[in-house]
Amino acid sequence: MKKNFNIKAIIYFICILIITLSIIYIIDFLLLKREAKKEINLLNSIVINQNKEEVINKIVIENEQIDLNSKENINEVKIENERISKVKELKKTNEDIVGWLEIANTDINYPVLQGSDNSYYMTHNYKKEKSKNGAIFLDKDYDWEKPSENLLIYGHNMNNGTMFQELLKYKSQEFYENHPIIRFTTQNEDSEYEIISVFKSKVYYKSEKDVFRYYYFINAKSEAEYDQFVKNAKSASLYKINKDAKYGEQLITLSTCSYHVKDGRFVIVGRKKN
């Protein structure tokens, strides 16, 4: 009888422990998500207010050939102007901010930072505060003076749905077909990139030979190296995408963690639209 009582007590204790840990996990999940949404709302509020007349005047000076009678053109340029202004304004808060990344109709809508190493912004946000979410950041080796052939951008795969977690939805070809464009804005340019490949990968051991280490490709040493990267990316794609890239076209690569294998990665590659 006493033995049965002890077993029931142990089971009761384990149940209470599981419930307590579950509550802690849910609270932590909700707090992280709230923190991320609060941060994005704050970021989106930092935009230089420009009225339509000021924007049009600026456009006329920079491009006299624009059709000012076209409402569509005016609105499109105004949006682009505000995006570039947003990046310029954000750089005042942190010089490490190099751009803004967005995939329309998703939660991927973040500033992009570049540090002196590839570890700082894994644990800090755009305000340089400690954060489990980290930040979206560009590889330290990207050279803006050159510029480099590939914008290699990293972000955490957060269970709360923030940062680059939503990239994993590209496992579905239908999701790709509805979200084929990556938009990246700097203080000088607002560009769109067409996705050409979606694939799973991993961080390979140095001893492993004849593997595709996509994470080493930033500065192409030659046309052949560029072409080989594109060929490997296309071959690894989870499904066929009727888009390609040729030497001279800038690439963008988005990388996040994936748990299909140890040290797994999920990767999306795009080419800049002309």
C-alpha atoms as a PDB file:
ATOM      1  CA  MET A   1       0.000   0.000   0.000  1.00  0.00           C
ATOM      2  CA  LYS A   2       2.812   2.356   0.948  1.00  0.00           C
ATOM      3  CA  LYS A   3       4.617   1.438  -2.270  1.00  0.00           C
ATOM      4  CA  ASN A   4       1.540   2.348  -4.343  1.00  0.00           C
ATOM      5  CA  PHE A   5       1.254   5.646  -2.470  1.00  0.00           C
ATOM      6  CA  ASN A   6       4.908   6.491  -3.286  1.00  0.00           C
ATOM      7  CA  ILE A   7       4.370   5.719  -6.977  1.00  0.00           C
ATOM      8  CA  LYS A   8       1.290   7.974  -7.078  1.00  0.00           C
ATOM      9  CA  ALA A   9       3.210  10.738  -5.314  1.00  0.00           C
ATOM     10  CA  ILE A  10       6.051  10.491  -7.853  1.00  0.00           C
ATOM     11  CA  ILE A  11       3.604  10.559 -10.787  1.00  0.00           C
ATOM     12  CA  TYR A  12       1.820  13.557  -9.245  1.00  0.00           C
ATOM     13  CA  PHE A  13       5.141  15.378  -8.790  1.00  0.00           C
ATOM     14  CA  ILE A  14       6.190  14.659 -12.396  1.00  0.00           C
ATOM     15  CA  CYS A  15       2.830  15.953 -13.703  1.00  0.00           C
ATOM     16  CA  ILE A  16       3.152  19.156 -11.671  1.00  0.00           C
ATOM     17  CA  LEU A  17       6.726  19.606 -12.924  1.00  0.00           C
ATOM     18  CA  ILE A  18       5.668  19.139 -16.566  1.00  0.00           C
ATOM     19  CA  ILE A  19       2.797  21.600 -16.192  1.00  0.00           C
ATOM     20  CA  THR A  20       5.081  24.163 -14.500  1.00  0.00           C
ATOM     21  CA  LEU A  21       7.757  23.853 -17.218  1.00  0.00           C
ATOM     22  CA  SER A  22       5.089  24.139 -19.923  1.00  0.00           C
ATOM     23  CA  ILE A  23       3.725  27.335 -18.376  1.00  0.00           C
ATOM     24  CA  ILE A  24       7.256  28.795 -18.153  1.00  0.00           C
ATOM     25  CA  TYR A  25       7.908  27.900 -21.820  1.00  0.00           C
ATOM     26  CA  ILE A  26       4.632  29.471 -22.994  1.00  0.00           C
ATOM     27  CA  ILE A  27       5.275  32.661 -21.001  1.00  0.00           C
ATOM     28  CA  ASP A  28       8.829  32.895 -22.387  1.00  0.00           C
ATOM     29  CA  PHE A  29       7.523  32.295 -25.925  1.00  0.00           C
ATOM     30  CA  LEU A  30       4.890  35.035 -25.609  1.00  0.00           C
ATOM     31  CA  LEU A  31       7.329  37.510 -24.065  1.00  0.00           C
ATOM     32  CA  LEU A  32       9.870  36.993 -26.850  1.00  0.00           C
ATOM     33  CA  LYS A  33       7.195  37.376 -29.497  1.00  0.00           C
ATOM     34  CA  ARG A  34       5.872  40.547 -27.845  1.00  0.00           C
ATOM     35  CA  GLU A  35       9.421  41.929 -27.622  1.00  0.00           C
ATOM     36  CA  ALA A  36      10.010  41.233 -31.304  1.00  0.00           C
ATOM     37  CA  LYS A  37       6.722  42.819 -32.411  1.00  0.00           C
ATOM     38  CA  LYS A  38       7.328  45.849 -30.190  1.00  0.00           C
ATOM     39  CA  GLU A  39      10.770  46.255 -31.735  1.00  0.00           C
ATOM     40  CA  ILE A  40       9.423  46.043 -35.295  1.00  0.00           C
ATOM     41  CA  ASN A  41       6.655  48.547 -34.554  1.00  0.00           C
ATOM     42  CA  LEU A  42       9.259  50.920 -33.179  1.00  0.00           C
ATOM     43  CA  LEU A  43      11.453  50.466 -36.224  1.00  0.00           C
ATOM     44  CA  ASN A  44       8.583  51.058 -38.615  1.00  0.00           C
ATOM     45  CA  SER A  45       7.722  54.291 -36.830  1.00  0.00           C
ATOM     46  CA  ILE A  46      11.198  55.722 -37.535  1.00  0.00           C
ATOM     47  CA  VAL A  47      10.516  57.174 -40.954  1.00  0.00           C
ATOM     48  CA  ILE A  48      11.264  60.669 -42.167  1.00  0.00           C
ATOM     49  CA  ASN A  49       7.932  62.390 -42.824  1.00  0.00           C
ATOM     50  CA  GLN A  50       7.893  63.794 -46.319  1.00  0.00           C
ATOM     51  CA  ASN A  51       4.791  65.175 -48.000  1.00  0.00           C
ATOM     52  CA  LYS A  52       3.998  64.419 -51.631  1.00  0.00           C
ATOM     53  CA  GLU A  53       5.047  67.861 -52.866  1.00  0.00           C
ATOM     54  CA  GLU A  54       8.534  67.533 -51.346  1.00  0.00           C
ATOM     55  CA  VAL A  55       8.944  64.058 -52.801  1.00  0.00           C
ATOM     56  CA  ILE A  56       7.812  65.154 -56.267  1.00  0.00           C
ATOM     57  CA  ASN A  57      10.183  68.156 -56.203  1.00  0.00           C
ATOM     58  CA  LYS A  58      13.077  65.863 -55.292  1.00  0.00           C
ATOM     59  CA  ILE A  59      12.116  63.452 -58.070  1.00  0.00           C
ATOM     60  CA  VAL A  60      11.955  66.260 -60.637  1.00  0.00           C
ATOM     61  CA  ILE A  61      15.494  67.364 -59.742  1.00  0.00           C
ATOM     62  CA  GLU A  62      16.880  63.803 -59.884  1.00  0.00           C
ATOM     63  CA  ASN A  63      14.899  62.574 -62.869  1.00  0.00           C
ATOM     64  CA  GLU A  64      13.254  65.105 -65.168  1.00  0.00           C
ATOM     65  CA  GLN A  65      11.873  62.366 -67.403  1.00  0.00           C
ATOM     66  CA  ILE A  66       9.393  60.965 -64.855  1.00  0.00           C
ATOM     67  CA  ASP A  67       5.745  61.283 -65.836  1.00  0.00           C
ATOM     68  CA  LEU A  68       4.400  63.550 -63.114  1.00  0.00           C
ATOM     69  CA  ASN A  69       0.859  63.006 -64.398  1.00  0.00           C
ATOM     70  CA  SER A  70       1.104  59.333 -63.530  1.00  0.00           C
ATOM     71  CA  LYS A  71      -0.263  58.799 -60.028  1.00  0.00           C
ATOM     72  CA  GLU A  72       1.127  55.274 -60.044  1.00  0.00           C
ATOM     73  CA  ASN A  73       4.683  56.503 -60.718  1.00  0.00           C
ATOM     74  CA  ILE A  74       4.457  59.166 -58.004  1.00  0.00           C
ATOM     75  CA  ASN A  75       3.198  56.722 -55.374  1.00  0.00           C
ATOM     76  CA  GLU A  76       5.778  54.089 -56.303  1.00  0.00           C
ATOM     77  CA  VAL A  77       8.698  56.514 -56.090  1.00  0.00           C
ATOM     78  CA  LYS A  78       7.346  57.956 -52.840  1.00  0.00           C
ATOM     79  CA  ILE A  79       7.388  54.490 -51.234  1.00  0.00           C
ATOM     80  CA  GLU A  80      10.930  53.863 -52.487  1.00  0.00           C
ATOM     81  CA  ASN A  81      12.031  57.260 -51.233  1.00  0.00           C
ATOM     82  CA  GLU A  82      10.594  56.586 -47.783  1.00  0.00           C
ATOM     83  CA  ARG A  83      12.316  53.173 -47.607  1.00  0.00           C
ATOM     84  CA  ILE A  84      15.707  54.707 -48.370  1.00  0.00           C
ATOM     85  CA  SER A  85      14.993  57.504 -45.896  1.00  0.00           C
ATOM     86  CA  LYS A  86      14.126  54.914 -43.250  1.00  0.00           C
ATOM     87  CA  VAL A  87      17.556  53.298 -43.615  1.00  0.00           C
ATOM     88  CA  LYS A  88      19.300  56.685 -43.453  1.00  0.00           C
ATOM     89  CA  GLU A  89      17.364  57.576 -40.321  1.00  0.00           C
ATOM     90  CA  LEU A  90      18.060  54.225 -38.653  1.00  0.00           C
ATOM     91  CA  LYS A  91      21.793  54.585 -39.289  1.00  0.00           C
ATOM     92  CA  LYS A  92      21.688  57.522 -36.881  1.00  0.00           C
ATOM     93  CA  THR A  93      20.756  55.073 -34.110  1.00  0.00           C
ATOM     94  CA  ASN A  94      23.403  52.511 -35.084  1.00  0.00           C
ATOM     95  CA  GLU A  95      26.037  52.874 -37.809  1.00  0.00           C
ATOM     96  CA  ASP A  96      26.085  49.094 -38.216  1.00  0.00           C
ATOM     97  CA  ILE A  97      22.674  49.220 -39.921  1.00  0.00           C
ATOM     98  CA  VAL A  98      23.393  48.682 -43.631  1.00  0.00           C
ATOM     99  CA  GLY A  99      19.928  48.055 -45.037  1.00  0.00           C
ATOM    100  CA  TRP A 100      16.374  46.844 -44.688  1.00  0.00           C
ATOM    101  CA  LEU A 101      15.157  43.388 -45.747  1.00  0.00           C
ATOM    102  CA  GLU A 102      11.545  42.592 -46.590  1.00  0.00           C
ATOM    103  CA  ILE A 103       9.552  39.781 -48.166  1.00  0.00           C
ATOM    104  CA  ALA A 104       6.080  41.096 -48.918  1.00  0.00           C
ATOM    105  CA  ASN A 105       3.117  39.515 -47.108  1.00  0.00           C
ATOM    106  CA  THR A 106       5.347  37.785 -44.559  1.00  0.00           C
ATOM    107  CA  ASP A 107       6.703  38.762 -41.140  1.00  0.00           C
ATOM    108  CA  ILE A 108      10.201  39.126 -42.589  1.00  0.00           C
ATOM    109  CA  ASN A 109      10.596  42.895 -42.391  1.00  0.00           C
ATOM    110  CA  TYR A 110      13.792  43.837 -40.548  1.00  0.00           C
ATOM    111  CA  PRO A 111      16.826  46.096 -40.544  1.00  0.00           C
ATOM    112  CA  VAL A 112      20.063  44.380 -41.578  1.00  0.00           C
ATOM    113  CA  LEU A 113      23.263  44.986 -39.631  1.00  0.00           C
ATOM    114  CA  GLN A 114      26.916  44.268 -40.323  1.00  0.00           C
ATOM    115  CA  GLY A 115      29.395  43.867 -37.493  1.00  0.00           C
ATOM    116  CA  SER A 116      33.129  43.336 -37.314  1.00  0.00           C
ATOM    117  CA  ASP A 117      32.447  39.635 -36.681  1.00  0.00           C
ATOM    118  CA  ASN A 118      29.632  37.172 -37.332  1.00  0.00           C
ATOM    119  CA  SER A 119      28.785  36.493 -33.705  1.00  0.00           C
ATOM    120  CA  TYR A 120      27.844  39.821 -32.061  1.00  0.00           C
ATOM    121  CA  TYR A 121      24.452  40.224 -33.742  1.00  0.00           C
ATOM    122  CA  MET A 122      23.538  36.630 -33.020  1.00  0.00           C
ATOM    123  CA  THR A 123      22.939  37.756 -29.423  1.00  0.00           C
ATOM    124  CA  HIS A 124      22.226  41.502 -29.793  1.00  0.00           C
ATOM    125  CA  ASN A 125      19.445  43.493 -31.441  1.00  0.00           C
ATOM    126  CA  TYR A 126      19.737  46.546 -33.668  1.00  0.00           C
ATOM    127  CA  LYS A 127      20.081  48.759 -30.556  1.00  0.00           C
ATOM    128  CA  LYS A 128      23.058  46.654 -29.391  1.00  0.00           C
ATOM    129  CA  GLU A 129      20.990  45.307 -26.505  1.00  0.00           C
ATOM    130  CA  LYS A 130      21.266  41.670 -25.415  1.00  0.00           C
ATOM    131  CA  SER A 131      18.485  39.713 -27.100  1.00  0.00           C
ATOM    132  CA  LYS A 132      17.693  36.021 -27.634  1.00  0.00           C
ATOM    133  CA  ASN A 133      16.262  36.950 -31.022  1.00  0.00           C
ATOM    134  CA  GLY A 134      19.526  38.547 -32.099  1.00  0.00           C
ATOM    135  CA  ALA A 135      19.316  40.526 -35.334  1.00  0.00           C
ATOM    136  CA  ILE A 136      19.344  39.945 -39.069  1.00  0.00           C
ATOM    137  CA  PHE A 137      22.933  40.528 -40.157  1.00  0.00           C
ATOM    138  CA  LEU A 138      25.135  40.619 -43.235  1.00  0.00           C
ATOM    139  CA  ASP A 139      28.351  38.601 -43.343  1.00  0.00           C
ATOM    140  CA  LYS A 140      31.313  40.618 -42.094  1.00  0.00           C
ATOM    141  CA  ASP A 141      33.289  39.932 -45.290  1.00  0.00           C
ATOM    142  CA  TYR A 142      30.856  41.688 -47.618  1.00  0.00           C
ATOM    143  CA  ASP A 143      32.779  44.560 -49.205  1.00  0.00           C
ATOM    144  CA  TRP A 144      30.667  47.650 -49.938  1.00  0.00           C
ATOM    145  CA  GLU A 145      33.507  49.356 -51.772  1.00  0.00           C
ATOM    146  CA  LYS A 146      33.810  46.638 -54.401  1.00  0.00           C
ATOM    147  CA  PRO A 147      30.916  45.614 -53.964  1.00  0.00           C
ATOM    148  CA  SER A 148      30.880  41.857 -53.370  1.00  0.00           C
ATOM    149  CA  GLU A 149      28.935  39.473 -55.626  1.00  0.00           C
ATOM    150  CA  ASN A 150      26.786  37.968 -52.871  1.00  0.00           C
ATOM    151  CA  LEU A 151      24.871  39.536 -49.977  1.00  0.00           C
ATOM    152  CA  LEU A 152      25.068  36.651 -47.482  1.00  0.00           C
ATOM    153  CA  ILE A 153      22.529  37.409 -44.732  1.00  0.00           C
ATOM    154  CA  TYR A 154      21.929  35.391 -41.554  1.00  0.00           C
ATOM    155  CA  GLY A 155      19.084  35.244 -39.041  1.00  0.00           C
ATOM    156  CA  HIS A 156      17.905  32.948 -36.258  1.00  0.00           C
ATOM    157  CA  ASN A 157      15.139  30.409 -36.766  1.00  0.00           C
ATOM    158  CA  MET A 158      13.097  31.406 -33.690  1.00  0.00           C
ATOM    159  CA  ASN A 159      10.331  29.147 -32.363  1.00  0.00           C
ATOM    160  CA  ASN A 160       8.209  32.245 -31.711  1.00  0.00           C
ATOM    161  CA  GLY A 161       7.899  32.832 -35.459  1.00  0.00           C
ATOM    162  CA  THR A 162      10.192  35.863 -35.602  1.00  0.00           C
ATOM    163  CA  MET A 163      13.451  36.609 -37.431  1.00  0.00           C
ATOM    164  CA  PHE A 164      14.094  34.037 -40.232  1.00  0.00           C
ATOM    165  CA  GLN A 165      11.749  31.314 -38.953  1.00  0.00           C
ATOM    166  CA  GLU A 166       9.284  32.027 -41.751  1.00  0.00           C
ATOM    167  CA  LEU A 167      11.900  31.206 -44.409  1.00  0.00           C
ATOM    168  CA  LEU A 168      11.179  27.536 -43.761  1.00  0.00           C
ATOM    169  CA  LYS A 169       7.769  28.018 -45.392  1.00  0.00           C
ATOM    170  CA  TYR A 170       9.693  28.040 -48.687  1.00  0.00           C
ATOM    171  CA  LYS A 171       9.805  24.250 -48.403  1.00  0.00           C
ATOM    172  CA  SER A 172       6.459  24.577 -50.165  1.00  0.00           C
ATOM    173  CA  GLN A 173       6.660  25.459 -53.855  1.00  0.00           C
ATOM    174  CA  GLU A 174       3.269  27.133 -53.569  1.00  0.00           C
ATOM    175  CA  PHE A 175       4.643  29.477 -50.897  1.00  0.00           C
ATOM    176  CA  TYR A 176       7.557  30.348 -53.204  1.00  0.00           C
ATOM    177  CA  GLU A 177       5.189  31.054 -56.088  1.00  0.00           C
ATOM    178  CA  ASN A 178       3.266  33.497 -53.869  1.00  0.00           C
ATOM    179  CA  HIS A 179       6.456  35.112 -52.477  1.00  0.00           C
ATOM    180  CA  PRO A 180       9.090  35.055 -55.271  1.00  0.00           C
ATOM    181  CA  ILE A 181      10.693  38.428 -54.480  1.00  0.00           C
ATOM    182  CA  ILE A 182      13.140  39.553 -51.784  1.00  0.00           C
ATOM    183  CA  ARG A 183      13.444  43.302 -51.295  1.00  0.00           C
ATOM    184  CA  PHE A 184      16.641  44.814 -49.930  1.00  0.00           C
ATOM    185  CA  THR A 185      17.013  48.559 -49.392  1.00  0.00           C
ATOM    186  CA  THR A 186      20.177  50.481 -48.539  1.00  0.00           C
ATOM    187  CA  GLN A 187      20.680  54.205 -48.003  1.00  0.00           C
ATOM    188  CA  ASN A 188      21.525  54.461 -51.710  1.00  0.00           C
ATOM    189  CA  GLU A 189      19.328  51.933 -53.466  1.00  0.00           C
ATOM    190  CA  ASP A 190      16.017  50.062 -53.235  1.00  0.00           C
ATOM    191  CA  SER A 191      16.352  46.709 -55.018  1.00  0.00           C
ATOM    192  CA  GLU A 192      14.360  43.575 -55.692  1.00  0.00           C
ATOM    193  CA  TYR A 193      15.809  40.080 -56.008  1.00  0.00           C
ATOM    194  CA  GLU A 194      14.118  37.175 -57.798  1.00  0.00           C
ATOM    195  CA  ILE A 195      14.505  33.866 -55.975  1.00  0.00           C
ATOM    196  CA  ILE A 196      16.373  31.297 -58.096  1.00  0.00           C
ATOM    197  CA  SER A 197      16.903  28.484 -55.570  1.00  0.00           C
ATOM    198  CA  VAL A 198      15.627  27.123 -52.251  1.00  0.00           C
ATOM    199  CA  PHE A 199      17.617  24.330 -50.608  1.00  0.00           C
ATOM    200  CA  LYS A 200      18.582  22.509 -47.435  1.00  0.00           C
ATOM    201  CA  SER A 201      22.217  22.321 -46.416  1.00  0.00           C
ATOM    202  CA  LYS A 202      24.479  21.992 -43.390  1.00  0.00           C
ATOM    203  CA  VAL A 203      27.773  23.224 -41.966  1.00  0.00           C
ATOM    204  CA  TYR A 204      30.287  20.659 -43.195  1.00  0.00           C
ATOM    205  CA  TYR A 205      33.357  19.331 -41.441  1.00  0.00           C
ATOM    206  CA  LYS A 206      36.687  20.385 -42.939  1.00  0.00           C
ATOM    207  CA  SER A 207      37.432  16.747 -43.732  1.00  0.00           C
ATOM    208  CA  GLU A 208      34.353  16.426 -45.958  1.00  0.00           C
ATOM    209  CA  LYS A 209      35.194  16.704 -49.637  1.00  0.00           C
ATOM    210  CA  ASP A 210      33.167  17.599 -52.733  1.00  0.00           C
ATOM    211  CA  VAL A 211      30.425  19.368 -50.782  1.00  0.00           C
ATOM    212  CA  PHE A 212      28.654  22.669 -51.436  1.00  0.00           C
ATOM    213  CA  ARG A 213      29.800  25.163 -48.805  1.00  0.00           C
ATOM    214  CA  TYR A 214      27.489  27.972 -49.870  1.00  0.00           C
ATOM    215  CA  TYR A 215      28.510  30.003 -46.789  1.00  0.00           C
ATOM    216  CA  TYR A 216      32.004  30.607 -48.209  1.00  0.00           C
ATOM    217  CA  PHE A 217      30.747  32.416 -51.312  1.00  0.00           C
ATOM    218  CA  ILE A 218      30.739  36.204 -50.971  1.00  0.00           C
ATOM    219  CA  ASN A 219      33.511  37.491 -53.204  1.00  0.00           C
ATOM    220  CA  ALA A 220      33.876  35.553 -56.461  1.00  0.00           C
ATOM    221  CA  LYS A 221      37.493  35.115 -57.497  1.00  0.00           C
ATOM    222  CA  SER A 222      36.442  34.487 -61.096  1.00  0.00           C
ATOM    223  CA  GLU A 223      33.486  34.049 -63.443  1.00  0.00           C
ATOM    224  CA  ALA A 224      33.970  30.285 -63.150  1.00  0.00           C
ATOM    225  CA  GLU A 225      33.594  30.421 -59.348  1.00  0.00           C
ATOM    226  CA  TYR A 226      30.418  32.515 -59.674  1.00  0.00           C
ATOM    227  CA  ASP A 227      28.949  30.122 -62.249  1.00  0.00           C
ATOM    228  CA  GLN A 228      29.813  27.121 -60.074  1.00  0.00           C
ATOM    229  CA  PHE A 229      28.008  28.634 -57.083  1.00  0.00           C
ATOM    230  CA  VAL A 230      24.882  29.260 -59.154  1.00  0.00           C
ATOM    231  CA  LYS A 231      25.054  25.752 -60.653  1.00  0.00           C
ATOM    232  CA  ASN A 232      25.382  24.165 -57.199  1.00  0.00           C
ATOM    233  CA  ALA A 233      22.537  26.258 -55.788  1.00  0.00           C
ATOM    234  CA  LYS A 234      20.256  25.353 -58.695  1.00  0.00           C
ATOM    235  CA  SER A 235      21.135  21.654 -58.438  1.00  0.00           C
ATOM    236  CA  ALA A 236      20.392  21.622 -54.702  1.00  0.00           C
ATOM    237  CA  SER A 237      17.009  23.360 -55.045  1.00  0.00           C
ATOM    238  CA  LEU A 238      14.035  21.544 -53.510  1.00  0.00           C
ATOM    239  CA  TYR A 239      11.999  22.211 -56.634  1.00  0.00           C
ATOM    240  CA  LYS A 240      12.507  23.615 -60.104  1.00  0.00           C
ATOM    241  CA  ILE A 241      12.579  27.398 -60.404  1.00  0.00           C
ATOM    242  CA  ASN A 242      12.710  28.811 -63.911  1.00  0.00           C
ATOM    243  CA  LYS A 243      15.071  31.615 -62.965  1.00  0.00           C
ATOM    244  CA  ASP A 244      18.838  31.693 -63.312  1.00  0.00           C
ATOM    245  CA  ALA A 245      21.737  34.100 -62.773  1.00  0.00           C
ATOM    246  CA  LYS A 246      24.708  35.045 -64.905  1.00  0.00           C
ATOM    247  CA  TYR A 247      28.059  36.516 -63.999  1.00  0.00           C
ATOM    248  CA  GLY A 248      27.771  40.222 -63.190  1.00  0.00           C
ATOM    249  CA  GLU A 249      24.338  39.934 -61.558  1.00  0.00           C
ATOM    250  CA  GLN A 250      24.419  40.514 -57.821  1.00  0.00           C
ATOM    251  CA  LEU A 251      23.117  37.694 -55.644  1.00  0.00           C
ATOM    252  CA  ILE A 252      21.469  37.623 -52.230  1.00  0.00           C
ATOM    253  CA  THR A 253      21.574  34.557 -49.963  1.00  0.00           C
ATOM    254  CA  LEU A 254      19.400  34.201 -46.852  1.00  0.00           C
ATOM    255  CA  SER A 255      20.522  31.554 -44.362  1.00  0.00           C
ATOM    256  CA  THR A 256      18.970  30.203 -41.168  1.00  0.00           C
ATOM    257  CA  CYS A 257      19.202  27.109 -38.965  1.00  0.00           C
ATOM    258  CA  SER A 258      17.252  23.991 -39.844  1.00  0.00           C
ATOM    259  CA  TYR A 259      16.889  20.776 -37.879  1.00  0.00           C
ATOM    260  CA  HIS A 260      16.668  18.179 -40.663  1.00  0.00           C
ATOM    261  CA  VAL A 261      20.267  17.180 -39.806  1.00  0.00           C
ATOM    262  CA  LYS A 262      22.872  18.175 -37.229  1.00  0.00           C
ATOM    263  CA  ASP A 263      24.090  21.742 -37.954  1.00  0.00           C
ATOM    264  CA  GLY A 264      21.448  21.970 -40.673  1.00  0.00           C
ATOM    265  CA  ARG A 265      20.767  25.124 -42.656  1.00  0.00           C
ATOM    266  CA  PHE A 266      17.897  26.357 -44.824  1.00  0.00           C
ATOM    267  CA  VAL A 267      18.942  28.631 -47.668  1.00  0.00           C
ATOM    268  CA  ILE A 268      17.347  30.899 -50.254  1.00  0.00           C
ATOM    269  CA  VAL A 269      19.283  32.459 -53.134  1.00  0.00           C
ATOM    270  CA  GLY A 270      18.057  35.338 -55.298  1.00  0.00           C
ATOM    271  CA  ARG A 271      19.415  37.410 -58.169  1.00  0.00           C
ATOM    272  CA  LYS A 272      19.031  41.164 -58.515  1.00  0.00           C
ATOM    273  CA  LYS A 273      16.390  42.300 -60.973  1.00  0.00           C
ATOM    274  CA  ASN A 274      17.565  44.649 -63.680  1.00  0.00           C
END
